[in-house]
Amino acid sequence: YADQIAVRVFDDLYDAIEGKPNTKGECFHLNMLSTT
């Protein structure tokens, strides 16, 4: 029940970020390394 929600959020967040162009001719990606 909960894990399906997590997978959906993760995938949708990835889709929202992945491939958006940056200023250096490449693009943005997702990571989830929050540090603090």
PDB file of all heavy atoms in Angstrom:
ATOM      1  N   TYR A   1       0.842  -1.205   0.000  1.00  0.00           N
ATOM      2  CA  TYR A   1       0.000   0.000   0.000  1.00  0.00           C
ATOM      3  C   TYR A   1       0.875   1.251   0.000  1.00  0.00           C
ATOM      4  O   TYR A   1       0.697   2.154  -0.830  1.00  0.00           O
ATOM      5  CB  TYR A   1      -0.917  -0.021   1.214  1.00  0.00           C
ATOM      6  CG  TYR A   1      -1.972   1.066   1.238  1.00  0.00           C
ATOM      7  CD1 TYR A   1      -3.283   0.792   0.857  1.00  0.00           C
ATOM      8  CD2 TYR A   1      -1.676   2.361   1.651  1.00  0.00           C
ATOM      9  CE1 TYR A   1      -4.262   1.774   0.882  1.00  0.00           C
ATOM     10  CE2 TYR A   1      -2.641   3.349   1.684  1.00  0.00           C
ATOM     11  CZ  TYR A   1      -3.936   3.053   1.297  1.00  0.00           C
ATOM     12  OH  TYR A   1      -4.890   4.037   1.324  1.00  0.00           O
ATOM     13  N   ALA A   2       1.808   1.309   0.946  1.00  0.00           N
ATOM     14  CA  ALA A   2       2.679   2.482   1.056  1.00  0.00           C
ATOM     15  C   ALA A   2       3.756   2.482  -0.023  1.00  0.00           C
ATOM     16  O   ALA A   2       4.071   3.534  -0.600  1.00  0.00           O
ATOM     17  CB  ALA A   2       3.319   2.534   2.436  1.00  0.00           C
ATOM     18  N   ASP A   3       4.323   1.320  -0.295  1.00  0.00           N
ATOM     19  CA  ASP A   3       5.442   1.258  -1.238  1.00  0.00           C
ATOM     20  C   ASP A   3       5.027   1.668  -2.645  1.00  0.00           C
ATOM     21  O   ASP A   3       5.807   2.286  -3.382  1.00  0.00           O
ATOM     22  CB  ASP A   3       6.037  -0.154  -1.252  1.00  0.00           C
ATOM     23  CG  ASP A   3       6.688  -0.521   0.085  1.00  0.00           C
ATOM     24  OD1 ASP A   3       6.858   0.385   0.927  1.00  0.00           O
ATOM     25  OD2 ASP A   3       7.017  -1.700   0.275  1.00  0.00           O
ATOM     26  N   GLN A   4       3.796   1.346  -3.045  1.00  0.00           N
ATOM     27  CA  GLN A   4       3.327   1.763  -4.364  1.00  0.00           C
ATOM     28  C   GLN A   4       3.239   3.282  -4.470  1.00  0.00           C
ATOM     29  O   GLN A   4       3.514   3.865  -5.528  1.00  0.00           O
ATOM     30  CB  GLN A   4       1.969   1.124  -4.649  1.00  0.00           C
ATOM     31  CG  GLN A   4       2.039  -0.363  -4.931  1.00  0.00           C
ATOM     32  CD  GLN A   4       0.666  -1.024  -5.003  1.00  0.00           C
ATOM     33  OE1 GLN A   4      -0.370  -0.352  -4.910  1.00  0.00           O
ATOM     34  NE2 GLN A   4       0.642  -2.342  -5.148  1.00  0.00           N
ATOM     35  N   ILE A   5       2.869   3.924  -3.368  1.00  0.00           N
ATOM     36  CA  ILE A   5       2.841   5.388  -3.358  1.00  0.00           C
ATOM     37  C   ILE A   5       4.260   5.931  -3.510  1.00  0.00           C
ATOM     38  O   ILE A   5       4.510   6.866  -4.282  1.00  0.00           O
ATOM     39  CB  ILE A   5       2.196   5.914  -2.061  1.00  0.00           C
ATOM     40  CG1 ILE A   5       0.717   5.502  -1.991  1.00  0.00           C
ATOM     41  CG2 ILE A   5       2.341   7.435  -1.957  1.00  0.00           C
ATOM     42  CD1 ILE A   5       0.030   5.861  -0.687  1.00  0.00           C
ATOM     43  N   ALA A   6       5.210   5.334  -2.785  1.00  0.00           N
ATOM     44  CA  ALA A   6       6.601   5.791  -2.860  1.00  0.00           C
ATOM     45  C   ALA A   6       7.152   5.647  -4.268  1.00  0.00           C
ATOM     46  O   ALA A   6       7.828   6.556  -4.780  1.00  0.00           O
ATOM     47  CB  ALA A   6       7.462   5.003  -1.868  1.00  0.00           C
ATOM     48  N   VAL A   7       6.895   4.520  -4.899  1.00  0.00           N
ATOM     49  CA  VAL A   7       7.384   4.289  -6.260  1.00  0.00           C
ATOM     50  C   VAL A   7       6.787   5.314  -7.215  1.00  0.00           C
ATOM     51  O   VAL A   7       7.485   5.875  -8.076  1.00  0.00           O
ATOM     52  CB  VAL A   7       7.045   2.859  -6.720  1.00  0.00           C
ATOM     53  CG1 VAL A   7       7.305   2.695  -8.215  1.00  0.00           C
ATOM     54  CG2 VAL A   7       7.853   1.830  -5.923  1.00  0.00           C
ATOM     55  N   ARG A   8       5.508   5.593  -7.067  1.00  0.00           N
ATOM     56  CA  ARG A   8       4.852   6.561  -7.944  1.00  0.00           C
ATOM     57  C   ARG A   8       5.439   7.953  -7.757  1.00  0.00           C
ATOM     58  O   ARG A   8       5.719   8.656  -8.744  1.00  0.00           O
ATOM     59  CB  ARG A   8       3.351   6.579  -7.662  1.00  0.00           C
ATOM     60  CG  ARG A   8       2.559   7.470  -8.603  1.00  0.00           C
ATOM     61  CD  ARG A   8       1.084   7.468  -8.240  1.00  0.00           C
ATOM     62  NE  ARG A   8       0.289   8.211  -9.213  1.00  0.00           N
ATOM     63  CZ  ARG A   8      -1.015   8.465  -9.082  1.00  0.00           C
ATOM     64  NH1 ARG A   8      -1.673   8.018  -8.021  1.00  0.00           N
ATOM     65  NH2 ARG A   8      -1.656   9.154 -10.002  1.00  0.00           N
ATOM     66  N   VAL A   9       5.637   8.368  -6.509  1.00  0.00           N
ATOM     67  CA  VAL A   9       6.215   9.686  -6.234  1.00  0.00           C
ATOM     68  C   VAL A   9       7.629   9.763  -6.808  1.00  0.00           C
ATOM     69  O   VAL A   9       8.005  10.750  -7.457  1.00  0.00           O
ATOM     70  CB  VAL A   9       6.228   9.983  -4.722  1.00  0.00           C
ATOM     71  CG1 VAL A   9       7.043  11.239  -4.420  1.00  0.00           C
ATOM     72  CG2 VAL A   9       4.802  10.147  -4.200  1.00  0.00           C
ATOM     73  N   PHE A  10       8.427   8.736  -6.566  1.00  0.00           N
ATOM     74  CA  PHE A  10       9.812   8.707  -7.050  1.00  0.00           C
ATOM     75  C   PHE A  10       9.855   8.815  -8.574  1.00  0.00           C
ATOM     76  O   PHE A  10      10.607   9.614  -9.132  1.00  0.00           O
ATOM     77  CB  PHE A  10      10.488   7.418  -6.581  1.00  0.00           C
ATOM     78  CG  PHE A  10      11.931   7.288  -6.967  1.00  0.00           C
ATOM     79  CD1 PHE A  10      12.936   7.837  -6.188  1.00  0.00           C
ATOM     80  CD2 PHE A  10      12.296   6.612  -8.131  1.00  0.00           C
ATOM     81  CE1 PHE A  10      14.273   7.714  -6.540  1.00  0.00           C
ATOM     82  CE2 PHE A  10      13.622   6.488  -8.503  1.00  0.00           C
ATOM     83  CZ  PHE A  10      14.614   7.039  -7.706  1.00  0.00           C
ATOM     84  N   ASP A  11       9.042   8.015  -9.255  1.00  0.00           N
ATOM     85  CA  ASP A  11       9.035   8.025 -10.719  1.00  0.00           C
ATOM     86  C   ASP A  11       8.538   9.359 -11.274  1.00  0.00           C
ATOM     87  O   ASP A  11       9.094   9.884 -12.252  1.00  0.00           O
ATOM     88  CB  ASP A  11       8.161   6.885 -11.249  1.00  0.00           C
ATOM     89  CG  ASP A  11       8.792   5.516 -11.056  1.00  0.00           C
ATOM     90  OD1 ASP A  11      10.009   5.450 -10.782  1.00  0.00           O
ATOM     91  OD2 ASP A  11       8.065   4.502 -11.174  1.00  0.00           O
ATOM     92  N   ASP A  12       7.502   9.908 -10.648  1.00  0.00           N
ATOM     93  CA  ASP A  12       6.963  11.185 -11.131  1.00  0.00           C
ATOM     94  C   ASP A  12       7.935  12.336 -10.869  1.00  0.00           C
ATOM     95  O   ASP A  12       8.035  13.272 -11.678  1.00  0.00           O
ATOM     96  CB  ASP A  12       5.607  11.468 -10.480  1.00  0.00           C
ATOM     97  CG  ASP A  12       4.498  10.582 -11.031  1.00  0.00           C
ATOM     98  OD1 ASP A  12       4.702   9.956 -12.089  1.00  0.00           O
ATOM     99  OD2 ASP A  12       3.427  10.502 -10.398  1.00  0.00           O
ATOM    100  N   LEU A  13       8.637  12.282  -9.744  1.00  0.00           N
ATOM    101  CA  LEU A  13       9.649  13.295  -9.464  1.00  0.00           C
ATOM    102  C   LEU A  13      10.784  13.197 -10.475  1.00  0.00           C
ATOM    103  O   LEU A  13      11.271  14.218 -10.985  1.00  0.00           O
ATOM    104  CB  LEU A  13      10.187  13.123  -8.038  1.00  0.00           C
ATOM    105  CG  LEU A  13      11.292  14.082  -7.594  1.00  0.00           C
ATOM    106  CD1 LEU A  13      10.806  15.524  -7.618  1.00  0.00           C
ATOM    107  CD2 LEU A  13      11.787  13.713  -6.195  1.00  0.00           C
ATOM    108  N   TYR A  14      11.197  11.976 -10.775  1.00  0.00           N
ATOM    109  CA  TYR A  14      12.224  11.758 -11.790  1.00  0.00           C
ATOM    110  C   TYR A  14      11.793  12.355 -13.129  1.00  0.00           C
ATOM    111  O   TYR A  14      12.558  13.074 -13.792  1.00  0.00           O
ATOM    112  CB  TYR A  14      12.488  10.262 -11.923  1.00  0.00           C
ATOM    113  CG  TYR A  14      13.320   9.886 -13.125  1.00  0.00           C
ATOM    114  CD1 TYR A  14      14.718   9.942 -13.089  1.00  0.00           C
ATOM    115  CD2 TYR A  14      12.713   9.466 -14.309  1.00  0.00           C
ATOM    116  CE1 TYR A  14      15.474   9.605 -14.195  1.00  0.00           C
ATOM    117  CE2 TYR A  14      13.466   9.132 -15.422  1.00  0.00           C
ATOM    118  CZ  TYR A  14      14.849   9.192 -15.365  1.00  0.00           C
ATOM    119  OH  TYR A  14      15.594   8.865 -16.465  1.00  0.00           O
ATOM    120  N   ASP A  15      10.566  12.084 -13.539  1.00  0.00           N
ATOM    121  CA  ASP A  15      10.066  12.597 -14.813  1.00  0.00           C
ATOM    122  C   ASP A  15      10.009  14.124 -14.835  1.00  0.00           C
ATOM    123  O   ASP A  15      10.206  14.753 -15.886  1.00  0.00           O
ATOM    124  CB  ASP A  15       8.675  12.032 -15.105  1.00  0.00           C
ATOM    125  CG  ASP A  15       8.699  10.548 -15.427  1.00  0.00           C
ATOM    126  OD1 ASP A  15       9.773  10.031 -15.809  1.00  0.00           O
ATOM    127  OD2 ASP A  15       7.642   9.897 -15.293  1.00  0.00           O
ATOM    128  N   ALA A  16       9.750  14.721 -13.664  1.00  0.00           N
ATOM    129  CA  ALA A  16       9.661  16.185 -13.589  1.00  0.00           C
ATOM    130  C   ALA A  16      11.035  16.843 -13.750  1.00  0.00           C
ATOM    131  O   ALA A  16      11.124  17.996 -14.195  1.00  0.00           O
ATOM    132  CB  ALA A  16       9.042  16.606 -12.258  1.00  0.00           C
ATOM    133  N   ILE A  17      12.096  16.123 -13.387  1.00  0.00           N
ATOM    134  CA  ILE A  17      13.446  16.696 -13.394  1.00  0.00           C
ATOM    135  C   ILE A  17      14.268  16.270 -14.606  1.00  0.00           C
ATOM    136  O   ILE A  17      14.946  17.096 -15.230  1.00  0.00           O
ATOM    137  CB  ILE A  17      14.202  16.282 -12.102  1.00  0.00           C
ATOM    138  CG1 ILE A  17      13.540  16.897 -10.875  1.00  0.00           C
ATOM    139  CG2 ILE A  17      15.673  16.667 -12.180  1.00  0.00           C
ATOM    140  CD1 ILE A  17      14.096  16.390  -9.557  1.00  0.00           C
ATOM    141  N   GLU A  18      14.197  15.003 -14.941  1.00  0.00           N
ATOM    142  CA  GLU A  18      15.104  14.409 -15.918  1.00  0.00           C
ATOM    143  C   GLU A  18      15.062  15.118 -17.278  1.00  0.00           C
ATOM    144  O   GLU A  18      14.000  15.322 -17.870  1.00  0.00           O
ATOM    145  CB  GLU A  18      14.762  12.935 -16.113  1.00  0.00           C
ATOM    146  CG  GLU A  18      15.629  12.196 -17.126  1.00  0.00           C
ATOM    147  CD  GLU A  18      17.088  12.079 -16.698  1.00  0.00           C
ATOM    148  OE1 GLU A  18      17.366  12.211 -15.481  1.00  0.00           O
ATOM    149  OE2 GLU A  18      17.939  11.844 -17.571  1.00  0.00           O
ATOM    150  N   GLY A  19      16.268  15.478 -17.744  1.00  0.00           N
ATOM    151  CA  GLY A  19      16.408  15.999 -19.095  1.00  0.00           C
ATOM    152  C   GLY A  19      16.219  17.483 -19.261  1.00  0.00           C
ATOM    153  O   GLY A  19      16.410  18.007 -20.372  1.00  0.00           O
ATOM    154  N   LYS A  20      15.866  18.193 -18.221  1.00  0.00           N
ATOM    155  CA  LYS A  20      15.724  19.647 -18.370  1.00  0.00           C
ATOM    156  C   LYS A  20      17.111  20.240 -18.628  1.00  0.00           C
ATOM    157  O   LYS A  20      18.073  19.923 -17.933  1.00  0.00           O
ATOM    158  CB  LYS A  20      15.093  20.259 -17.120  1.00  0.00           C
ATOM    159  CG  LYS A  20      13.624  19.873 -16.955  1.00  0.00           C
ATOM    160  CD  LYS A  20      12.954  20.652 -15.850  1.00  0.00           C
ATOM    161  CE  LYS A  20      11.495  20.252 -15.702  1.00  0.00           C
ATOM    162  NZ  LYS A  20      10.683  20.559 -16.897  1.00  0.00           N
ATOM    163  N   PRO A  21      17.244  21.109 -19.619  1.00  0.00           N
ATOM    164  CA  PRO A  21      18.573  21.587 -20.013  1.00  0.00           C
ATOM    165  C   PRO A  21      19.212  22.507 -18.988  1.00  0.00           C
ATOM    166  O   PRO A  21      18.539  23.329 -18.370  1.00  0.00           O
ATOM    167  CB  PRO A  21      18.292  22.337 -21.331  1.00  0.00           C
ATOM    168  CG  PRO A  21      16.846  22.718 -21.261  1.00  0.00           C
ATOM    169  CD  PRO A  21      16.164  21.634 -20.485  1.00  0.00           C
ATOM    170  N   ASN A  22      20.525  22.337 -18.809  1.00  0.00           N
ATOM    171  CA  ASN A  22      21.284  23.272 -17.990  1.00  0.00           C
ATOM    172  C   ASN A  22      22.014  24.260 -18.902  1.00  0.00           C
ATOM    173  O   ASN A  22      21.765  24.298 -20.104  1.00  0.00           O
ATOM    174  CB  ASN A  22      22.235  22.528 -17.048  1.00  0.00           C
ATOM    175  CG  ASN A  22      23.312  21.728 -17.789  1.00  0.00           C
ATOM    176  OD1 ASN A  22      23.532  21.899 -18.993  1.00  0.00           O
ATOM    177  ND2 ASN A  22      23.983  20.840 -17.068  1.00  0.00           N
ATOM    178  N   THR A  23      22.916  25.043 -18.354  1.00  0.00           N
ATOM    179  CA  THR A  23      23.587  26.087 -19.135  1.00  0.00           C
ATOM    180  C   THR A  23      24.834  25.577 -19.837  1.00  0.00           C
ATOM    181  O   THR A  23      25.514  26.341 -20.523  1.00  0.00           O
ATOM    182  CB  THR A  23      23.992  27.250 -18.206  1.00  0.00           C
ATOM    183  OG1 THR A  23      24.916  26.762 -17.223  1.00  0.00           O
ATOM    184  CG2 THR A  23      22.784  27.856 -17.537  1.00  0.00           C
ATOM    185  N   LYS A  24      25.145  24.285 -19.670  1.00  0.00           N
ATOM    186  CA  LYS A  24      26.428  23.753 -20.152  1.00  0.00           C
ATOM    187  C   LYS A  24      26.254  22.720 -21.260  1.00  0.00           C
ATOM    188  O   LYS A  24      27.131  21.905 -21.509  1.00  0.00           O
ATOM    189  CB  LYS A  24      27.187  23.144 -18.974  1.00  0.00           C
ATOM    190  CG  LYS A  24      27.408  24.127 -17.828  1.00  0.00           C
ATOM    191  CD  LYS A  24      27.886  23.443 -16.575  1.00  0.00           C
ATOM    192  CE  LYS A  24      27.957  24.412 -15.401  1.00  0.00           C
ATOM    193  NZ  LYS A  24      28.335  23.731 -14.150  1.00  0.00           N
ATOM    194  N   GLY A  25      25.089  22.744 -21.893  1.00  0.00           N
ATOM    195  CA  GLY A  25      24.864  21.838 -23.008  1.00  0.00           C
ATOM    196  C   GLY A  25      24.457  20.444 -22.598  1.00  0.00           C
ATOM    197  O   GLY A  25      24.335  19.557 -23.461  1.00  0.00           O
ATOM    198  N   GLU A  26      24.248  20.229 -21.297  1.00  0.00           N
ATOM    199  CA  GLU A  26      23.784  18.925 -20.834  1.00  0.00           C
ATOM    200  C   GLU A  26      22.472  19.128 -20.080  1.00  0.00           C
ATOM    201  O   GLU A  26      21.694  20.002 -20.428  1.00  0.00           O
ATOM    202  CB  GLU A  26      24.875  18.232 -20.019  1.00  0.00           C
ATOM    203  CG  GLU A  26      26.100  17.921 -20.885  1.00  0.00           C
ATOM    204  CD  GLU A  26      27.084  17.001 -20.224  1.00  0.00           C
ATOM    205  OE1 GLU A  26      26.690  16.221 -19.338  1.00  0.00           O
ATOM    206  OE2 GLU A  26      28.276  17.065 -20.577  1.00  0.00           O
ATOM    207  N   CYS A  27      22.195  18.334 -19.057  1.00  0.00           N
ATOM    208  CA  CYS A  27      20.863  18.427 -18.465  1.00  0.00           C
ATOM    209  C   CYS A  27      20.861  18.105 -16.980  1.00  0.00           C
ATOM    210  O   CYS A  27      21.866  17.686 -16.412  1.00  0.00           O
ATOM    211  CB  CYS A  27      19.891  17.510 -19.211  1.00  0.00           C
ATOM    212  SG  CYS A  27      20.365  15.768 -19.176  1.00  0.00           S
ATOM    213  N   PHE A  28      19.695  18.292 -16.377  1.00  0.00           N
ATOM    214  CA  PHE A  28      19.478  18.023 -14.960  1.00  0.00           C
ATOM    215  C   PHE A  28      19.060  16.565 -14.745  1.00  0.00           C
ATOM    216  O   PHE A  28      18.396  15.959 -15.585  1.00  0.00           O
ATOM    217  CB  PHE A  28      18.367  18.927 -14.405  1.00  0.00           C
ATOM    218  CG  PHE A  28      18.798  20.341 -14.156  1.00  0.00           C
ATOM    219  CD1 PHE A  28      18.833  21.267 -15.191  1.00  0.00           C
ATOM    220  CD2 PHE A  28      19.169  20.754 -12.883  1.00  0.00           C
ATOM    221  CE1 PHE A  28      19.216  22.577 -14.973  1.00  0.00           C
ATOM    222  CE2 PHE A  28      19.549  22.064 -12.646  1.00  0.00           C
ATOM    223  CZ  PHE A  28      19.576  22.983 -13.693  1.00  0.00           C
ATOM    224  N   HIS A  29      19.464  16.042 -13.586  1.00  0.00           N
ATOM    225  CA  HIS A  29      19.060  14.705 -13.164  1.00  0.00           C
ATOM    226  C   HIS A  29      18.635  14.766 -11.695  1.00  0.00           C
ATOM    227  O   HIS A  29      18.918  15.731 -10.984  1.00  0.00           O
ATOM    228  CB  HIS A  29      20.199  13.696 -13.310  1.00  0.00           C
ATOM    229  CG  HIS A  29      20.766  13.615 -14.688  1.00  0.00           C
ATOM    230  ND1 HIS A  29      20.097  13.042 -15.744  1.00  0.00           N
ATOM    231  CD2 HIS A  29      21.947  14.052 -15.195  1.00  0.00           C
ATOM    232  CE1 HIS A  29      20.839  13.104 -16.827  1.00  0.00           C
ATOM    233  NE2 HIS A  29      21.968  13.722 -16.524  1.00  0.00           N
ATOM    234  N   LEU A  30      18.003  13.709 -11.253  1.00  0.00           N
ATOM    235  CA  LEU A  30      17.559  13.568  -9.865  1.00  0.00           C
ATOM    236  C   LEU A  30      18.613  12.853  -9.035  1.00  0.00           C
ATOM    237  O   LEU A  30      19.211  11.871  -9.488  1.00  0.00           O
ATOM    238  CB  LEU A  30      16.255  12.759  -9.827  1.00  0.00           C
ATOM    239  CG  LEU A  30      15.831  12.152  -8.476  1.00  0.00           C
ATOM    240  CD1 LEU A  30      15.348  13.233  -7.518  1.00  0.00           C
ATOM    241  CD2 LEU A  30      14.743  11.101  -8.676  1.00  0.00           C
ATOM    242  N   ASN A  31      18.869  13.335  -7.825  1.00  0.00           N
ATOM    243  CA  ASN A  31      19.477  12.467  -6.819  1.00  0.00           C
ATOM    244  C   ASN A  31      18.768  12.692  -5.494  1.00  0.00           C
ATOM    245  O   ASN A  31      18.042  13.672  -5.312  1.00  0.00           O
ATOM    246  CB  ASN A  31      21.000  12.655  -6.717  1.00  0.00           C
ATOM    247  CG  ASN A  31      21.447  13.874  -5.939  1.00  0.00           C
ATOM    248  OD1 ASN A  31      20.816  14.307  -4.973  1.00  0.00           O
ATOM    249  ND2 ASN A  31      22.568  14.450  -6.344  1.00  0.00           N
ATOM    250  N   MET A  32      18.936  11.755  -4.587  1.00  0.00           N
ATOM    251  CA  MET A  32      18.287  11.852  -3.272  1.00  0.00           C
ATOM    252  C   MET A  32      19.328  11.649  -2.182  1.00  0.00           C
ATOM    253  O   MET A  32      19.243  10.752  -1.353  1.00  0.00           O
ATOM    254  CB  MET A  32      17.130  10.856  -3.176  1.00  0.00           C
ATOM    255  CG  MET A  32      16.085  11.098  -4.253  1.00  0.00           C
ATOM    256  SD  MET A  32      14.432  10.473  -3.900  1.00  0.00           S
ATOM    257  CE  MET A  32      13.882  11.623  -2.646  1.00  0.00           C
ATOM    258  N   LEU A  33      20.361  12.494  -2.225  1.00  0.00           N
ATOM    259  CA  LEU A  33      21.436  12.500  -1.244  1.00  0.00           C
ATOM    260  C   LEU A  33      21.300  13.783  -0.434  1.00  0.00           C
ATOM    261  O   LEU A  33      21.855  14.826  -0.781  1.00  0.00           O
ATOM    262  CB  LEU A  33      22.794  12.439  -1.948  1.00  0.00           C
ATOM    263  CG  LEU A  33      23.002  11.212  -2.849  1.00  0.00           C
ATOM    264  CD1 LEU A  33      24.247  11.377  -3.716  1.00  0.00           C
ATOM    265  CD2 LEU A  33      23.102   9.954  -2.006  1.00  0.00           C
ATOM    266  N   SER A  34      20.538  13.704   0.638  1.00  0.00           N
ATOM    267  CA  SER A  34      20.099  14.915   1.334  1.00  0.00           C
ATOM    268  C   SER A  34      21.151  15.547   2.233  1.00  0.00           C
ATOM    269  O   SER A  34      20.993  16.687   2.648  1.00  0.00           O
ATOM    270  CB  SER A  34      18.866  14.583   2.179  1.00  0.00           C
ATOM    271  OG  SER A  34      19.139  13.497   3.054  1.00  0.00           O
ATOM    272  N   THR A  35      22.222  14.818   2.559  1.00  0.00           N
ATOM    273  CA  THR A  35      23.207  15.275   3.541  1.00  0.00           C
ATOM    274  C   THR A  35      22.464  15.673   4.828  1.00  0.00           C
ATOM    275  O   THR A  35      21.932  14.815   5.490  1.00  0.00           O
ATOM    276  CB  THR A  35      24.069  16.418   2.987  1.00  0.00           C
ATOM    277  OG1 THR A  35      24.489  16.077   1.648  1.00  0.00           O
ATOM    278  CG2 THR A  35      25.323  16.614   3.831  1.00  0.00           C
ATOM    279  N   THR A  36      22.375  16.976   5.148  1.00  0.00           N
ATOM    280  CA  THR A  36      21.655  17.379   6.360  1.00  0.00           C
ATOM    281  C   THR A  36      20.523  18.359   6.065  1.00  0.00           C
ATOM    282  O   THR A  36      19.928  18.909   7.000  1.00  0.00           O
ATOM    283  CB  THR A  36      22.621  18.024   7.375  1.00  0.00           C
ATOM    284  OG1 THR A  36      23.234  19.185   6.777  1.00  0.00           O
ATOM    285  CG2 THR A  36      23.713  17.052   7.785  1.00  0.00           C
TER     286      THR A  36
END
